[in-house]
Structures are given as C-alpha cells and as structure tokens.
Amino acid sequence: MAKAIKTRTNTKLAESEEQRNLRRSNAFRDLETPIFELYLMAEIAAEVAVGEHEDQDELRDFAIYRVGEMARNLKAKYLAIE
C-alpha cells in the first residue's frame, strides 16, 4: 500500500492590502531619521570640500567615507522593507 504524501499547509493568514500599506508606511517612516542624517553628513562633506579648514584632507576623507557608509546602510534598510 502506498504511503500518503504529507503536504504542508500554509497557516499564515494572507495580509490585507490595508495591513500591507500600514506595515510599509511604518517601515518608510522609520527611514526618515537615516535619510535626514545622511543629508546632514552630505552637507558637511560639501562644506569641507569647498572650505578651508586646518585639517582639510582628514575631514574630507572622513566625511566622504561616512556618507558612503550611511548610504549603504540606508540602502540595506530600504531593501529589508520587503
């Protein structure tokens, strides 16, 4: 006699469009702070690039590195929404 094949049923309830929109809106709202911080660091980098500071090279390198790092983190957070 053949054994019965067990099938796994999906017990997770389907998410309604309203629930999905709410989840996404909360996730995008959570991105507001990292976006604002990235904007501020980009402003600092722009100021350092055109200004004259005592430690110009060190400040410029730090600001550019930090903007890149913050942009990568923001991208990862954005891609994690889905």
N, C-alpha and C. Protein backbone atom coordinates (compact mmCIF):
# COMPACT_ATOMS: atom_id res chain seq x y z
N MET A 1 0.85 -1.17 0.00
CA MET A 1 0.00 0.00 0.00
C MET A 1 0.90 1.24 0.00
N ALA A 2 0.55 2.21 -0.78
CA ALA A 2 1.35 3.44 -0.89
C ALA A 2 1.12 4.32 0.32
N LYS A 3 2.19 4.97 0.73
CA LYS A 3 2.08 5.90 1.85
C LYS A 3 1.46 7.20 1.37
N ALA A 4 0.69 7.78 2.23
CA ALA A 4 0.08 9.07 1.91
C ALA A 4 1.15 10.15 1.93
N ILE A 5 1.10 11.03 0.97
CA ILE A 5 2.06 12.13 0.91
C ILE A 5 1.57 13.25 1.81
N LYS A 6 2.44 13.66 2.69
CA LYS A 6 2.08 14.75 3.59
C LYS A 6 2.36 16.08 2.89
N THR A 7 1.41 16.93 2.94
CA THR A 7 1.61 18.26 2.37
C THR A 7 1.55 19.26 3.51
N ARG A 8 2.38 20.25 3.38
CA ARG A 8 2.44 21.29 4.41
C ARG A 8 1.45 22.38 4.00
N THR A 9 0.60 22.72 4.91
CA THR A 9 -0.35 23.79 4.64
C THR A 9 0.21 25.10 5.17
N ASN A 10 -0.06 26.13 4.46
CA ASN A 10 0.41 27.45 4.87
C ASN A 10 -0.58 28.00 5.90
N THR A 11 -0.14 28.08 7.13
CA THR A 11 -1.02 28.52 8.21
C THR A 11 -1.02 30.04 8.37
N LYS A 12 -0.12 30.71 7.66
CA LYS A 12 -0.05 32.17 7.76
C LYS A 12 -1.23 32.77 7.00
N LEU A 13 -1.94 33.65 7.67
CA LEU A 13 -3.06 34.30 7.03
C LEU A 13 -2.57 35.32 6.01
N ALA A 14 -3.35 35.45 4.96
CA ALA A 14 -2.99 36.43 3.94
C ALA A 14 -3.09 37.84 4.52
N GLU A 15 -2.16 38.65 4.14
CA GLU A 15 -2.11 40.03 4.62
C GLU A 15 -3.02 40.88 3.74
N SER A 16 -3.88 41.64 4.35
CA SER A 16 -4.77 42.50 3.57
C SER A 16 -3.97 43.67 3.01
N GLU A 17 -4.53 44.32 2.01
CA GLU A 17 -3.86 45.47 1.40
C GLU A 17 -3.68 46.58 2.43
N GLU A 18 -4.66 46.78 3.29
CA GLU A 18 -4.56 47.81 4.32
C GLU A 18 -3.44 47.49 5.31
N GLN A 19 -3.33 46.23 5.72
CA GLN A 19 -2.26 45.82 6.63
C GLN A 19 -0.89 46.00 5.97
N ARG A 20 -0.79 45.62 4.69
CA ARG A 20 0.47 45.76 3.97
C ARG A 20 0.86 47.23 3.84
N ASN A 21 -0.12 48.09 3.52
CA ASN A 21 0.15 49.53 3.41
C ASN A 21 0.60 50.11 4.75
N LEU A 22 -0.03 49.68 5.83
CA LEU A 22 0.35 50.16 7.16
C LEU A 22 1.76 49.72 7.51
N ARG A 23 2.08 48.46 7.24
CA ARG A 23 3.42 47.94 7.52
C ARG A 23 4.47 48.72 6.72
N ARG A 24 4.18 48.95 5.45
CA ARG A 24 5.13 49.67 4.61
C ARG A 24 5.26 51.13 5.03
N SER A 25 4.15 51.76 5.40
CA SER A 25 4.23 53.16 5.80
C SER A 25 5.05 53.29 7.08
N ASN A 26 4.90 52.36 8.00
CA ASN A 26 5.71 52.38 9.23
C ASN A 26 7.18 52.17 8.89
N ALA A 27 7.46 51.25 7.97
CA ALA A 27 8.85 50.98 7.59
C ALA A 27 9.47 52.21 6.93
N PHE A 28 8.73 52.87 6.05
CA PHE A 28 9.27 54.06 5.39
C PHE A 28 9.43 55.21 6.39
N ARG A 29 8.52 55.31 7.34
CA ARG A 29 8.65 56.34 8.37
C ARG A 29 9.92 56.11 9.19
N ASP A 30 10.27 54.85 9.42
CA ASP A 30 11.49 54.52 10.15
C ASP A 30 12.75 54.93 9.37
N LEU A 31 12.61 55.15 8.07
CA LEU A 31 13.76 55.57 7.26
C LEU A 31 13.99 57.08 7.31
N GLU A 32 13.06 57.83 7.87
CA GLU A 32 13.18 59.29 7.87
C GLU A 32 14.45 59.76 8.60
N THR A 33 14.74 59.20 9.75
CA THR A 33 15.92 59.62 10.51
C THR A 33 17.22 59.30 9.76
N PRO A 34 17.40 58.07 9.25
CA PRO A 34 18.63 57.81 8.50
C PRO A 34 18.77 58.69 7.25
N ILE A 35 17.67 59.00 6.58
CA ILE A 35 17.72 59.87 5.41
C ILE A 35 18.16 61.27 5.82
N PHE A 36 17.60 61.79 6.91
CA PHE A 36 17.96 63.12 7.38
C PHE A 36 19.43 63.16 7.81
N GLU A 37 19.90 62.13 8.51
CA GLU A 37 21.29 62.08 8.95
C GLU A 37 22.24 62.01 7.75
N LEU A 38 21.85 61.25 6.73
CA LEU A 38 22.65 61.18 5.51
C LEU A 38 22.72 62.54 4.83
N TYR A 39 21.59 63.23 4.78
CA TYR A 39 21.56 64.58 4.21
C TYR A 39 22.50 65.52 4.97
N LEU A 40 22.45 65.48 6.29
CA LEU A 40 23.32 66.36 7.09
C LEU A 40 24.80 66.05 6.86
N MET A 41 25.15 64.77 6.79
CA MET A 41 26.55 64.41 6.55
C MET A 41 26.97 64.83 5.15
N ALA A 42 26.08 64.74 4.18
CA ALA A 42 26.41 65.20 2.83
C ALA A 42 26.64 66.70 2.81
N GLU A 43 25.86 67.44 3.60
CA GLU A 43 26.07 68.88 3.72
C GLU A 43 27.45 69.19 4.32
N ILE A 44 27.82 68.43 5.34
CA ILE A 44 29.14 68.61 5.96
C ILE A 44 30.23 68.31 4.93
N ALA A 45 30.07 67.23 4.19
CA ALA A 45 31.07 66.86 3.18
C ALA A 45 31.20 67.95 2.12
N ALA A 46 30.06 68.52 1.70
CA ALA A 46 30.10 69.59 0.70
C ALA A 46 30.80 70.82 1.25
N GLU A 47 30.54 71.16 2.49
CA GLU A 47 31.18 72.32 3.11
C GLU A 47 32.69 72.12 3.24
N VAL A 48 33.09 70.93 3.63
CA VAL A 48 34.51 70.63 3.77
C VAL A 48 35.19 70.65 2.41
N ALA A 49 34.50 70.22 1.36
CA ALA A 49 35.09 70.16 0.03
C ALA A 49 35.42 71.55 -0.51
N VAL A 50 34.64 72.55 -0.15
CA VAL A 50 34.87 73.89 -0.70
C VAL A 50 35.49 74.85 0.31
N GLY A 51 35.54 74.46 1.56
CA GLY A 51 36.04 75.35 2.60
C GLY A 51 37.53 75.16 2.84
N GLU A 52 38.04 76.03 3.64
CA GLU A 52 39.43 75.94 4.06
C GLU A 52 39.46 75.65 5.55
N HIS A 53 39.91 74.46 5.88
CA HIS A 53 40.00 74.04 7.28
C HIS A 53 41.43 73.61 7.56
N GLU A 54 41.76 73.65 8.80
CA GLU A 54 43.12 73.26 9.21
C GLU A 54 43.41 71.81 8.83
N ASP A 55 42.48 70.94 9.09
CA ASP A 55 42.64 69.50 8.79
C ASP A 55 41.80 69.13 7.58
N GLN A 56 41.91 69.88 6.50
CA GLN A 56 41.07 69.73 5.31
C GLN A 56 41.05 68.29 4.79
N ASP A 57 42.20 67.71 4.57
CA ASP A 57 42.26 66.38 3.97
C ASP A 57 41.62 65.32 4.86
N GLU A 58 41.92 65.38 6.14
CA GLU A 58 41.36 64.39 7.08
C GLU A 58 39.85 64.54 7.20
N LEU A 59 39.37 65.76 7.30
CA LEU A 59 37.92 66.00 7.38
C LEU A 59 37.21 65.55 6.11
N ARG A 60 37.79 65.87 4.96
CA ARG A 60 37.18 65.48 3.70
C ARG A 60 37.10 63.97 3.58
N ASP A 61 38.18 63.29 3.88
CA ASP A 61 38.20 61.83 3.79
C ASP A 61 37.18 61.20 4.72
N PHE A 62 37.11 61.71 5.96
CA PHE A 62 36.13 61.18 6.91
C PHE A 62 34.71 61.40 6.41
N ALA A 63 34.41 62.62 5.95
CA ALA A 63 33.05 62.93 5.52
C ALA A 63 32.64 62.09 4.32
N ILE A 64 33.54 61.91 3.36
CA ILE A 64 33.21 61.10 2.18
C ILE A 64 33.02 59.65 2.57
N TYR A 65 33.89 59.12 3.41
CA TYR A 65 33.75 57.74 3.87
C TYR A 65 32.43 57.55 4.60
N ARG A 66 32.10 58.49 5.48
CA ARG A 66 30.88 58.37 6.29
C ARG A 66 29.63 58.47 5.43
N VAL A 67 29.62 59.35 4.43
CA VAL A 67 28.47 59.45 3.52
C VAL A 67 28.26 58.12 2.80
N GLY A 68 29.35 57.53 2.32
CA GLY A 68 29.24 56.24 1.64
C GLY A 68 28.71 55.15 2.56
N GLU A 69 29.22 55.11 3.77
CA GLU A 69 28.78 54.13 4.75
C GLU A 69 27.29 54.31 5.08
N MET A 70 26.89 55.54 5.28
CA MET A 70 25.49 55.82 5.61
C MET A 70 24.57 55.49 4.44
N ALA A 71 25.02 55.75 3.22
CA ALA A 71 24.22 55.43 2.04
C ALA A 71 24.04 53.91 1.90
N ARG A 72 25.10 53.16 2.15
CA ARG A 72 24.99 51.68 2.09
C ARG A 72 24.03 51.17 3.16
N ASN A 73 24.10 51.72 4.37
CA ASN A 73 23.19 51.30 5.44
C ASN A 73 21.74 51.64 5.11
N LEU A 74 21.54 52.82 4.53
CA LEU A 74 20.19 53.23 4.14
C LEU A 74 19.64 52.29 3.07
N LYS A 75 20.47 51.95 2.10
CA LYS A 75 20.04 51.02 1.04
C LYS A 75 19.65 49.67 1.64
N ALA A 76 20.44 49.17 2.57
CA ALA A 76 20.14 47.88 3.20
C ALA A 76 18.82 47.94 3.96
N LYS A 77 18.58 49.02 4.67
CA LYS A 77 17.32 49.18 5.40
C LYS A 77 16.14 49.25 4.44
N TYR A 78 16.33 49.97 3.33
CA TYR A 78 15.27 50.09 2.33
C TYR A 78 14.95 48.74 1.71
N LEU A 79 15.97 47.98 1.36
CA LEU A 79 15.74 46.68 0.74
C LEU A 79 15.14 45.68 1.72
N ALA A 80 15.33 45.89 3.01
CA ALA A 80 14.79 44.98 4.03
C ALA A 80 13.29 45.20 4.24
N ILE A 81 12.74 46.27 3.69
CA ILE A 81 11.32 46.55 3.88
C ILE A 81 10.46 45.45 3.30
N GLU A 82 10.82 44.98 2.15
CA GLU A 82 10.04 43.92 1.51
C GLU A 82 10.45 42.64 2.11
